[in-house]
Amino acid sequence: MTARIPSAWRSLCTWVIVVFGALYVAALALLAIGHFGFFGAARDPLAGVFLIPLGIPWIYLLDMLPIAANDRIWIGVFSPLINLVLLSAACRLVAHQTRLRGE
């Protein structure tokens, strides 16, 4: 029974990373469509709103920095990427630890 736990964790980690990555790509696409008006869409000042929940807590931490308003869009774009990298690293660490224990 214990031999199935690591494979289940790896499978769960893989799904979490894939779903988070897909949501990130979709949010970036909606940002581009709304901000630049692609496909005849009206320009929307709230086009990047879907990136905010994906980028928590980095959105709020980086919001405290004295950065110009034009550069704040890059914080919104790259903060979910930080979470994606941390998720990937955590999953690799869990997989490595389970391999070391021989489970």
PDB file of N, CA and C in Angstrom:
ATOM      1  N   MET A   1       0.812  -1.193   0.000  1.00  0.00           N
ATOM      2  CA  MET A   1       0.000   0.000   0.000  1.00  0.00           C
ATOM      3  C   MET A   1       0.854   1.255   0.000  1.00  0.00           C
ATOM      4  N   THR A   2       2.000   1.237   0.694  1.00  0.00           N
ATOM      5  CA  THR A   2       2.844   2.429   0.739  1.00  0.00           C
ATOM      6  C   THR A   2       3.530   2.690  -0.599  1.00  0.00           C
ATOM      7  N   ALA A   3       3.643   1.667  -1.450  1.00  0.00           N
ATOM      8  CA  ALA A   3       4.297   1.869  -2.736  1.00  0.00           C
ATOM      9  C   ALA A   3       3.447   2.731  -3.668  1.00  0.00           C
ATOM     10  N   ARG A   4       2.140   2.799  -3.439  1.00  0.00           N
ATOM     11  CA  ARG A   4       1.270   3.592  -4.303  1.00  0.00           C
ATOM     12  C   ARG A   4       1.273   5.077  -3.942  1.00  0.00           C
ATOM     13  N   ILE A   5       1.642   5.409  -2.737  1.00  0.00           N
ATOM     14  CA  ILE A   5       1.582   6.808  -2.294  1.00  0.00           C
ATOM     15  C   ILE A   5       2.510   7.703  -3.113  1.00  0.00           C
ATOM     16  N   PRO A   6       3.784   7.340  -3.324  1.00  0.00           N
ATOM     17  CA  PRO A   6       4.629   8.236  -4.113  1.00  0.00           C
ATOM     18  C   PRO A   6       4.139   8.434  -5.541  1.00  0.00           C
ATOM     19  N   SER A   7       3.674   7.380  -6.182  1.00  0.00           N
ATOM     20  CA  SER A   7       3.183   7.557  -7.544  1.00  0.00           C
ATOM     21  C   SER A   7       1.933   8.421  -7.560  1.00  0.00           C
ATOM     22  N   ALA A   8       1.109   8.303  -6.513  1.00  0.00           N
ATOM     23  CA  ALA A   8      -0.070   9.163  -6.424  1.00  0.00           C
ATOM     24  C   ALA A   8       0.347  10.615  -6.220  1.00  0.00           C
ATOM     25  N   TRP A   9       1.364  10.840  -5.388  1.00  0.00           N
ATOM     26  CA  TRP A   9       1.841  12.206  -5.181  1.00  0.00           C
ATOM     27  C   TRP A   9       2.440  12.774  -6.457  1.00  0.00           C
ATOM     28  N   ARG A  10       3.204  11.962  -7.168  1.00  0.00           N
ATOM     29  CA  ARG A  10       3.784  12.441  -8.426  1.00  0.00           C
ATOM     30  C   ARG A  10       2.699  12.762  -9.431  1.00  0.00           C
ATOM     31  N   SER A  11       1.688  11.920  -9.483  1.00  0.00           N
ATOM     32  CA  SER A  11       0.583  12.166 -10.396  1.00  0.00           C
ATOM     33  C   SER A  11      -0.173  13.433 -10.000  1.00  0.00           C
ATOM     34  N   LEU A  12      -0.417  13.596  -8.702  1.00  0.00           N
ATOM     35  CA  LEU A  12      -1.101  14.798  -8.223  1.00  0.00           C
ATOM     36  C   LEU A  12      -0.265  16.040  -8.499  1.00  0.00           C
ATOM     37  N   CYS A  13       1.034  15.961  -8.228  1.00  0.00           N
ATOM     38  CA  CYS A  13       1.917  17.101  -8.508  1.00  0.00           C
ATOM     39  C   CYS A  13       1.914  17.450  -9.991  1.00  0.00           C
ATOM     40  N   THR A  14       1.966  16.443 -10.827  1.00  0.00           N
ATOM     41  CA  THR A  14       1.949  16.686 -12.265  1.00  0.00           C
ATOM     42  C   THR A  14       0.658  17.376 -12.687  1.00  0.00           C
ATOM     43  N   TRP A  15      -0.460  16.898 -12.175  1.00  0.00           N
ATOM     44  CA  TRP A  15      -1.740  17.520 -12.529  1.00  0.00           C
ATOM     45  C   TRP A  15      -1.842  18.943 -12.017  1.00  0.00           C
ATOM     46  N   VAL A  16      -1.377  19.199 -10.815  1.00  0.00           N
ATOM     47  CA  VAL A  16      -1.428  20.558 -10.263  1.00  0.00           C
ATOM     48  C   VAL A  16      -0.578  21.499 -11.108  1.00  0.00           C
ATOM     49  N   ILE A  17       0.604  21.062 -11.497  1.00  0.00           N
ATOM     50  CA  ILE A  17       1.480  21.902 -12.311  1.00  0.00           C
ATOM     51  C   ILE A  17       0.874  22.136 -13.688  1.00  0.00           C
ATOM     52  N   VAL A  18       0.316  21.099 -14.293  1.00  0.00           N
ATOM     53  CA  VAL A  18      -0.281  21.247 -15.628  1.00  0.00           C
ATOM     54  C   VAL A  18      -1.497  22.171 -15.583  1.00  0.00           C
ATOM     55  N   VAL A  19      -2.359  21.995 -14.584  1.00  0.00           N
ATOM     56  CA  VAL A  19      -3.555  22.848 -14.479  1.00  0.00           C
ATOM     57  C   VAL A  19      -3.157  24.290 -14.184  1.00  0.00           C
ATOM     58  N   PHE A  20      -2.212  24.487 -13.263  1.00  0.00           N
ATOM     59  CA  PHE A  20      -1.761  25.841 -12.952  1.00  0.00           C
ATOM     60  C   PHE A  20      -1.119  26.491 -14.180  1.00  0.00           C
ATOM     61  N   GLY A  21      -0.319  25.731 -14.907  1.00  0.00           N
ATOM     62  CA  GLY A  21       0.305  26.263 -16.125  1.00  0.00           C
ATOM     63  C   GLY A  21      -0.724  26.613 -17.184  1.00  0.00           C
ATOM     64  N   ALA A  22      -1.752  25.785 -17.336  1.00  0.00           N
ATOM     65  CA  ALA A  22      -2.808  26.080 -18.312  1.00  0.00           C
ATOM     66  C   ALA A  22      -3.597  27.327 -17.913  1.00  0.00           C
ATOM     67  N   LEU A  23      -3.880  27.454 -16.621  1.00  0.00           N
ATOM     68  CA  LEU A  23      -4.571  28.662 -16.155  1.00  0.00           C
ATOM     69  C   LEU A  23      -3.714  29.901 -16.366  1.00  0.00           C
ATOM     70  N   TYR A  24      -2.417  29.764 -16.162  1.00  0.00           N
ATOM     71  CA  TYR A  24      -1.489  30.878 -16.376  1.00  0.00           C
ATOM     72  C   TYR A  24      -1.464  31.294 -17.844  1.00  0.00           C
ATOM     73  N   VAL A  25      -1.382  30.331 -18.731  1.00  0.00           N
ATOM     74  CA  VAL A  25      -1.382  30.640 -20.170  1.00  0.00           C
ATOM     75  C   VAL A  25      -2.711  31.265 -20.587  1.00  0.00           C
ATOM     76  N   ALA A  26      -3.819  30.751 -20.060  1.00  0.00           N
ATOM     77  CA  ALA A  26      -5.129  31.327 -20.383  1.00  0.00           C
ATOM     78  C   ALA A  26      -5.241  32.757 -19.863  1.00  0.00           C
ATOM     79  N   ALA A  27      -4.750  33.001 -18.659  1.00  0.00           N
ATOM     80  CA  ALA A  27      -4.798  34.357 -18.107  1.00  0.00           C
ATOM     81  C   ALA A  27      -3.910  35.306 -18.911  1.00  0.00           C
ATOM     82  N   LEU A  28      -2.757  34.824 -19.368  1.00  0.00           N
ATOM     83  CA  LEU A  28      -1.902  35.661 -20.221  1.00  0.00           C
ATOM     84  C   LEU A  28      -2.576  35.966 -21.555  1.00  0.00           C
ATOM     85  N   ALA A  29      -3.273  34.979 -22.114  1.00  0.00           N
ATOM     86  CA  ALA A  29      -3.985  35.199 -23.371  1.00  0.00           C
ATOM     87  C   ALA A  29      -5.102  36.224 -23.187  1.00  0.00           C
ATOM     88  N   LEU A  30      -5.849  36.110 -22.084  1.00  0.00           N
ATOM     89  CA  LEU A  30      -6.910  37.082 -21.816  1.00  0.00           C
ATOM     90  C   LEU A  30      -6.337  38.475 -21.569  1.00  0.00           C
ATOM     91  N   LEU A  31      -5.174  38.545 -20.950  1.00  0.00           N
ATOM     92  CA  LEU A  31      -4.515  39.834 -20.758  1.00  0.00           C
ATOM     93  C   LEU A  31      -4.152  40.453 -22.104  1.00  0.00           C
ATOM     94  N   ALA A  32      -3.560  39.663 -22.978  1.00  0.00           N
ATOM     95  CA  ALA A  32      -3.164  40.179 -24.289  1.00  0.00           C
ATOM     96  C   ALA A  32      -4.381  40.593 -25.116  1.00  0.00           C
ATOM     97  N   ILE A  33      -5.424  39.783 -25.087  1.00  0.00           N
ATOM     98  CA  ILE A  33      -6.634  40.102 -25.853  1.00  0.00           C
ATOM     99  C   ILE A  33      -7.285  41.366 -25.325  1.00  0.00           C
ATOM    100  N   GLY A  34      -7.392  41.486 -24.011  1.00  0.00           N
ATOM    101  CA  GLY A  34      -8.058  42.646 -23.436  1.00  0.00           C
ATOM    102  C   GLY A  34      -7.218  43.907 -23.452  1.00  0.00           C
ATOM    103  N   HIS A  35      -5.924  43.771 -23.261  1.00  0.00           N
ATOM    104  CA  HIS A  35      -5.064  44.951 -23.189  1.00  0.00           C
ATOM    105  C   HIS A  35      -4.777  45.546 -24.566  1.00  0.00           C
ATOM    106  N   PHE A  36      -4.536  44.700 -25.540  1.00  0.00           N
ATOM    107  CA  PHE A  36      -4.185  45.174 -26.872  1.00  0.00           C
ATOM    108  C   PHE A  36      -5.366  45.194 -27.831  1.00  0.00           C
ATOM    109  N   GLY A  37      -6.492  44.636 -27.446  1.00  0.00           N
ATOM    110  CA  GLY A  37      -7.681  44.661 -28.288  1.00  0.00           C
ATOM    111  C   GLY A  37      -7.632  43.692 -29.453  1.00  0.00           C
ATOM    112  N   PHE A  38      -6.986  42.547 -29.266  1.00  0.00           N
ATOM    113  CA  PHE A  38      -6.930  41.543 -30.333  1.00  0.00           C
ATOM    114  C   PHE A  38      -8.322  40.988 -30.606  1.00  0.00           C
ATOM    115  N   PHE A  39      -8.522  40.465 -31.800  1.00  0.00           N
ATOM    116  CA  PHE A  39      -9.765  39.835 -32.242  1.00  0.00           C
ATOM    117  C   PHE A  39     -10.959  40.778 -32.154  1.00  0.00           C
ATOM    118  N   GLY A  40     -10.707  42.060 -32.270  1.00  0.00           N
ATOM    119  CA  GLY A  40     -11.783  43.040 -32.254  1.00  0.00           C
ATOM    120  C   GLY A  40     -12.368  43.311 -30.882  1.00  0.00           C
ATOM    121  N   ALA A  41     -11.726  42.838 -29.843  1.00  0.00           N
ATOM    122  CA  ALA A  41     -12.219  43.060 -28.482  1.00  0.00           C
ATOM    123  C   ALA A  41     -11.919  44.496 -28.064  1.00  0.00           C
ATOM    124  N   ALA A  42     -12.801  45.045 -27.273  1.00  0.00           N
ATOM    125  CA  ALA A  42     -12.573  46.393 -26.752  1.00  0.00           C
ATOM    126  C   ALA A  42     -11.446  46.343 -25.728  1.00  0.00           C
ATOM    127  N   ARG A  43     -10.667  47.423 -25.668  1.00  0.00           N
ATOM    128  CA  ARG A  43      -9.593  47.491 -24.683  1.00  0.00           C
ATOM    129  C   ARG A  43     -10.206  47.572 -23.293  1.00  0.00           C
ATOM    130  N   ASP A  44      -9.691  46.737 -22.415  1.00  0.00           N
ATOM    131  CA  ASP A  44     -10.253  46.632 -21.075  1.00  0.00           C
ATOM    132  C   ASP A  44      -9.158  46.888 -20.046  1.00  0.00           C
ATOM    133  N   PRO A  45      -9.358  47.851 -19.137  1.00  0.00           N
ATOM    134  CA  PRO A  45      -8.328  48.106 -18.129  1.00  0.00           C
ATOM    135  C   PRO A  45      -8.206  46.979 -17.097  1.00  0.00           C
ATOM    136  N   LEU A  46      -9.181  46.104 -17.017  1.00  0.00           N
ATOM    137  CA  LEU A  46      -9.128  44.986 -16.073  1.00  0.00           C
ATOM    138  C   LEU A  46      -8.774  43.675 -16.766  1.00  0.00           C
ATOM    139  N   ALA A  47      -8.039  43.746 -17.851  1.00  0.00           N
ATOM    140  CA  ALA A  47      -7.717  42.547 -18.617  1.00  0.00           C
ATOM    141  C   ALA A  47      -6.830  41.579 -17.842  1.00  0.00           C
ATOM    142  N   GLY A  48      -6.017  42.070 -16.941  1.00  0.00           N
ATOM    143  CA  GLY A  48      -5.101  41.204 -16.201  1.00  0.00           C
ATOM    144  C   GLY A  48      -5.618  40.734 -14.862  1.00  0.00           C
ATOM    145  N   VAL A  49      -6.910  40.873 -14.634  1.00  0.00           N
ATOM    146  CA  VAL A  49      -7.460  40.536 -13.315  1.00  0.00           C
ATOM    147  C   VAL A  49      -7.328  39.048 -12.998  1.00  0.00           C
ATOM    148  N   PHE A  50      -7.260  38.193 -13.996  1.00  0.00           N
ATOM    149  CA  PHE A  50      -7.147  36.759 -13.742  1.00  0.00           C
ATOM    150  C   PHE A  50      -5.741  36.347 -13.343  1.00  0.00           C
ATOM    151  N   LEU A  51      -4.770  37.229 -13.543  1.00  0.00           N
ATOM    152  CA  LEU A  51      -3.409  36.930 -13.108  1.00  0.00           C
ATOM    153  C   LEU A  51      -3.220  37.169 -11.615  1.00  0.00           C
ATOM    154  N   ILE A  52      -4.078  37.985 -11.022  1.00  0.00           N
ATOM    155  CA  ILE A  52      -3.896  38.338  -9.612  1.00  0.00           C
ATOM    156  C   ILE A  52      -4.026  37.122  -8.695  1.00  0.00           C
ATOM    157  N   PRO A  53      -5.093  36.307  -8.783  1.00  0.00           N
ATOM    158  CA  PRO A  53      -5.151  35.154  -7.876  1.00  0.00           C
ATOM    159  C   PRO A  53      -4.053  34.123  -8.126  1.00  0.00           C
ATOM    160  N   LEU A  54      -3.564  34.047  -9.346  1.00  0.00           N
ATOM    161  CA  LEU A  54      -2.485  33.102  -9.638  1.00  0.00           C
ATOM    162  C   LEU A  54      -1.146  33.581  -9.095  1.00  0.00           C
ATOM    163  N   GLY A  55      -1.015  34.889  -8.884  1.00  0.00           N
ATOM    164  CA  GLY A  55       0.256  35.456  -8.443  1.00  0.00           C
ATOM    165  C   GLY A  55       0.342  35.803  -6.974  1.00  0.00           C
ATOM    166  N   ILE A  56      -0.713  35.493  -6.212  1.00  0.00           N
ATOM    167  CA  ILE A  56      -0.662  35.764  -4.772  1.00  0.00           C
ATOM    168  C   ILE A  56       0.390  34.850  -4.159  1.00  0.00           C
ATOM    169  N   PRO A  57       1.240  35.231  -3.283  1.00  0.00           N
ATOM    170  CA  PRO A  57       1.409  36.451  -2.514  1.00  0.00           C
ATOM    171  C   PRO A  57       2.355  37.461  -3.139  1.00  0.00           C
ATOM    172  N   TRP A  58       2.976  37.099  -4.282  1.00  0.00           N
ATOM    173  CA  TRP A  58       3.998  37.968  -4.871  1.00  0.00           C
ATOM    174  C   TRP A  58       3.409  39.273  -5.380  1.00  0.00           C
ATOM    175  N   ILE A  59       2.164  39.251  -5.821  1.00  0.00           N
ATOM    176  CA  ILE A  59       1.509  40.481  -6.273  1.00  0.00           C
ATOM    177  C   ILE A  59       1.512  41.514  -5.154  1.00  0.00           C
ATOM    178  N   TYR A  60       1.134  41.093  -3.966  1.00  0.00           N
ATOM    179  CA  TYR A  60       1.027  42.028  -2.847  1.00  0.00           C
ATOM    180  C   TYR A  60       2.386  42.420  -2.295  1.00  0.00           C
ATOM    181  N   LEU A  61       3.336  41.498  -2.296  1.00  0.00           N
ATOM    182  CA  LEU A  61       4.670  41.836  -1.820  1.00  0.00           C
ATOM    183  C   LEU A  61       5.371  42.806  -2.765  1.00  0.00           C
ATOM    184  N   LEU A  62       5.255  42.572  -4.055  1.00  0.00           N
ATOM    185  CA  LEU A  62       5.914  43.443  -5.025  1.00  0.00           C
ATOM    186  C   LEU A  62       5.165  44.752  -5.230  1.00  0.00           C
ATOM    187  N   ASP A  63       3.907  44.779  -4.826  1.00  0.00           N
ATOM    188  CA  ASP A  63       3.130  46.008  -4.937  1.00  0.00           C
ATOM    189  C   ASP A  63       3.636  47.082  -3.973  1.00  0.00           C
ATOM    190  N   MET A  64       4.314  46.667  -2.922  1.00  0.00           N
ATOM    191  CA  MET A  64       4.837  47.619  -1.950  1.00  0.00           C
ATOM    192  C   MET A  64       6.087  48.340  -2.450  1.00  0.00           C
ATOM    193  N   LEU A  65       6.694  47.851  -3.503  1.00  0.00           N
ATOM    194  CA  LEU A  65       7.906  48.480  -4.034  1.00  0.00           C
ATOM    195  C   LEU A  65       7.552  49.764  -4.791  1.00  0.00           C
ATOM    196  N   PRO A  66       8.418  50.743  -4.728  1.00  0.00           N
ATOM    197  CA  PRO A  66       8.158  51.993  -5.463  1.00  0.00           C
ATOM    198  C   PRO A  66       8.485  51.830  -6.951  1.00  0.00           C
ATOM    199  N   ILE A  67       7.531  51.324  -7.692  1.00  0.00           N
ATOM    200  CA  ILE A  67       7.711  51.072  -9.129  1.00  0.00           C
ATOM    201  C   ILE A  67       6.718  51.937  -9.891  1.00  0.00           C
ATOM    202  N   ALA A  68       7.138  52.409 -11.058  1.00  0.00           N
ATOM    203  CA  ALA A  68       6.263  53.238 -11.885  1.00  0.00           C
ATOM    204  C   ALA A  68       5.038  52.442 -12.323  1.00  0.00           C
ATOM    205  N   ALA A  69       3.949  53.140 -12.558  1.00  0.00           N
ATOM    206  CA  ALA A  69       2.685  52.486 -12.907  1.00  0.00           C
ATOM    207  C   ALA A  69       2.793  51.699 -14.211  1.00  0.00           C
ATOM    208  N   ASN A  70       3.594  52.163 -15.155  1.00  0.00           N
ATOM    209  CA  ASN A  70       3.737  51.450 -16.430  1.00  0.00           C
ATOM    210  C   ASN A  70       4.475  50.131 -16.274  1.00  0.00           C
ATOM    211  N   ASP A  71       5.299  50.023 -15.257  1.00  0.00           N
ATOM    212  CA  ASP A  71       6.065  48.794 -15.057  1.00  0.00           C
ATOM    213  C   ASP A  71       5.333  47.774 -14.200  1.00  0.00           C
ATOM    214  N   ARG A  72       4.210  48.139 -13.611  1.00  0.00           N
ATOM    215  CA  ARG A  72       3.484  47.227 -12.738  1.00  0.00           C
ATOM    216  C   ARG A  72       2.848  46.066 -13.504  1.00  0.00           C
ATOM    217  N   ILE A  73       2.619  46.230 -14.790  1.00  0.00           N
ATOM    218  CA  ILE A  73       2.036  45.134 -15.564  1.00  0.00           C
ATOM    219  C   ILE A  73       2.982  43.933 -15.585  1.00  0.00           C
ATOM    220  N   TRP A  74       4.284  44.199 -15.557  1.00  0.00           N
ATOM    221  CA  TRP A  74       5.250  43.102 -15.587  1.00  0.00           C
ATOM    222  C   TRP A  74       5.236  42.323 -14.283  1.00  0.00           C
ATOM    223  N   ILE A  75       4.918  42.995 -13.174  1.00  0.00           N
ATOM    224  CA  ILE A  75       4.764  42.283 -11.909  1.00  0.00           C
ATOM    225  C   ILE A  75       3.601  41.308 -12.016  1.00  0.00           C
ATOM    226  N   GLY A  76       2.510  41.758 -12.591  1.00  0.00           N
ATOM    227  CA  GLY A  76       1.348  40.897 -12.763  1.00  0.00           C
ATOM    228  C   GLY A  76       1.598  39.742 -13.707  1.00  0.00           C
ATOM    229  N   VAL A  77       2.419  39.973 -14.712  1.00  0.00           N
ATOM    230  CA  VAL A  77       2.692  38.928 -15.695  1.00  0.00           C
ATOM    231  C   VAL A  77       3.613  37.847 -15.126  1.00  0.00           C
ATOM    232  N   PHE A  78       4.632  38.256 -14.381  1.00  0.00           N
ATOM    233  CA  PHE A  78       5.637  37.289 -13.942  1.00  0.00           C
ATOM    234  C   PHE A  78       5.418  36.711 -12.548  1.00  0.00           C
ATOM    235  N   SER A  79       4.540  37.284 -11.740  1.00  0.00           N
ATOM    236  CA  SER A  79       4.351  36.734 -10.392  1.00  0.00           C
ATOM    237  C   SER A  79       3.728  35.328 -10.399  1.00  0.00           C
ATOM    238  N   PRO A  80       2.792  34.983 -11.290  1.00  0.00           N
ATOM    239  CA  PRO A  80       2.347  33.575 -11.324  1.00  0.00           C
ATOM    240  C   PRO A  80       3.453  32.618 -11.755  1.00  0.00           C
ATOM    241  N   LEU A  81       4.390  33.116 -12.537  1.00  0.00           N
ATOM    242  CA  LEU A  81       5.512  32.276 -12.963  1.00  0.00           C
ATOM    243  C   LEU A  81       6.372  31.885 -11.769  1.00  0.00           C
ATOM    244  N   ILE A  82       6.507  32.791 -10.798  1.00  0.00           N
ATOM    245  CA  ILE A  82       7.236  32.461  -9.573  1.00  0.00           C
ATOM    246  C   ILE A  82       6.546  31.311  -8.856  1.00  0.00           C
ATOM    247  N   ASN A  83       5.222  31.379  -8.753  1.00  0.00           N
ATOM    248  CA  ASN A  83       4.484  30.289  -8.104  1.00  0.00           C
ATOM    249  C   ASN A  83       4.613  28.981  -8.862  1.00  0.00           C
ATOM    250  N   LEU A  84       4.616  29.042 -10.184  1.00  0.00           N
ATOM    251  CA  LEU A  84       4.766  27.827 -10.992  1.00  0.00           C
ATOM    252  C   LEU A  84       6.136  27.192 -10.780  1.00  0.00           C
ATOM    253  N   VAL A  85       7.169  28.001 -10.703  1.00  0.00           N
ATOM    254  CA  VAL A  85       8.520  27.482 -10.452  1.00  0.00           C
ATOM    255  C   VAL A  85       8.610  26.872  -9.050  1.00  0.00           C
ATOM    256  N   LEU A  86       8.000  27.545  -8.066  1.00  0.00           N
ATOM    257  CA  LEU A  86       8.018  26.996  -6.702  1.00  0.00           C
ATOM    258  C   LEU A  86       7.239  25.688  -6.603  1.00  0.00           C
ATOM    259  N   LEU A  87       6.107  25.593  -7.298  1.00  0.00           N
ATOM    260  CA  LEU A  87       5.359  24.335  -7.323  1.00  0.00           C
ATOM    261  C   LEU A  87       6.181  23.212  -7.949  1.00  0.00           C
ATOM    262  N   SER A  88       6.848  23.506  -9.041  1.00  0.00           N
ATOM    263  CA  SER A  88       7.680  22.503  -9.702  1.00  0.00           C
ATOM    264  C   SER A  88       8.815  22.051  -8.805  1.00  0.00           C
ATOM    265  N   ALA A  89       9.454  23.008  -8.135  1.00  0.00           N
ATOM    266  CA  ALA A  89      10.554  22.657  -7.232  1.00  0.00           C
ATOM    267  C   ALA A  89      10.066  21.823  -6.060  1.00  0.00           C
ATOM    268  N   ALA A  90       8.915  22.164  -5.505  1.00  0.00           N
ATOM    269  CA  ALA A  90       8.370  21.390  -4.385  1.00  0.00           C
ATOM    270  C   ALA A  90       8.030  19.970  -4.816  1.00  0.00           C
ATOM    271  N   CYS A  91       7.466  19.808  -5.992  1.00  0.00           N
ATOM    272  CA  CYS A  91       7.131  18.466  -6.482  1.00  0.00           C
ATOM    273  C   CYS A  91       8.382  17.645  -6.747  1.00  0.00           C
ATOM    274  N   ARG A  92       9.412  18.277  -7.278  1.00  0.00           N
ATOM    275  CA  ARG A  92      10.660  17.544  -7.506  1.00  0.00           C
ATOM    276  C   ARG A  92      11.311  17.151  -6.191  1.00  0.00           C
ATOM    277  N   LEU A  93      11.206  18.018  -5.182  1.00  0.00           N
ATOM    278  CA  LEU A  93      11.769  17.705  -3.881  1.00  0.00           C
ATOM    279  C   LEU A  93      11.030  16.529  -3.246  1.00  0.00           C
ATOM    280  N   VAL A  94       9.710  16.513  -3.338  1.00  0.00           N
ATOM    281  CA  VAL A  94       8.928  15.400  -2.791  1.00  0.00           C
ATOM    282  C   VAL A  94       9.268  14.106  -3.521  1.00  0.00           C
ATOM    283  N   ALA A  95       9.385  14.164  -4.834  1.00  0.00           N
ATOM    284  CA  ALA A  95       9.734  12.963  -5.605  1.00  0.00           C
ATOM    285  C   ALA A  95      11.131  12.472  -5.244  1.00  0.00           C
ATOM    286  N   HIS A  96      12.057  13.392  -5.054  1.00  0.00           N
ATOM    287  CA  HIS A  96      13.425  13.014  -4.688  1.00  0.00           C
ATOM    288  C   HIS A  96      13.463  12.391  -3.297  1.00  0.00           C
ATOM    289  N   GLN A  97      12.733  12.961  -2.349  1.00  0.00           N
ATOM    290  CA  GLN A  97      12.712  12.415  -0.988  1.00  0.00           C
ATOM    291  C   GLN A  97      12.100  11.023  -0.952  1.00  0.00           C
ATOM    292  N   THR A  98      11.047  10.796  -1.733  1.00  0.00           N
ATOM    293  CA  THR A  98      10.434   9.475  -1.737  1.00  0.00           C
ATOM    294  C   THR A  98      11.338   8.446  -2.390  1.00  0.00           C
ATOM    295  N   ARG A  99      12.123   8.864  -3.372  1.00  0.00           N
ATOM    296  CA  ARG A  99      13.076   7.940  -3.987  1.00  0.00           C
ATOM    297  C   ARG A  99      14.209   7.601  -3.013  1.00  0.00           C
ATOM    298  N   LEU A 100      14.636   8.557  -2.204  1.00  0.00           N
ATOM    299  CA  LEU A 100      15.691   8.292  -1.238  1.00  0.00           C
ATOM    300  C   LEU A 100      15.252   7.325  -0.155  1.00  0.00           C
ATOM    301  N   ARG A 101      13.988   7.417   0.231  1.00  0.00           N
ATOM    302  CA  ARG A 101      13.463   6.504   1.251  1.00  0.00           C
ATOM    303  C   ARG A 101      13.167   5.129   0.671  1.00  0.00           C
ATOM    304  N   GLY A 102      13.133   5.024  -0.643  1.00  0.00           N
ATOM    305  CA  GLY A 102      12.905   3.727  -1.270  1.00  0.00           C
ATOM    306  C   GLY A 102      11.446   3.325  -1.322  1.00  0.00           C
ATOM    307  N   GLU A 103      10.553   4.279  -1.226  1.00  0.00           N
ATOM    308  CA  GLU A 103       9.118   3.956  -1.262  1.00  0.00           C
ATOM    309  C   GLU A 103       8.616   3.917  -2.672  1.00  0.00           C
TER     310      GLU A 103
END
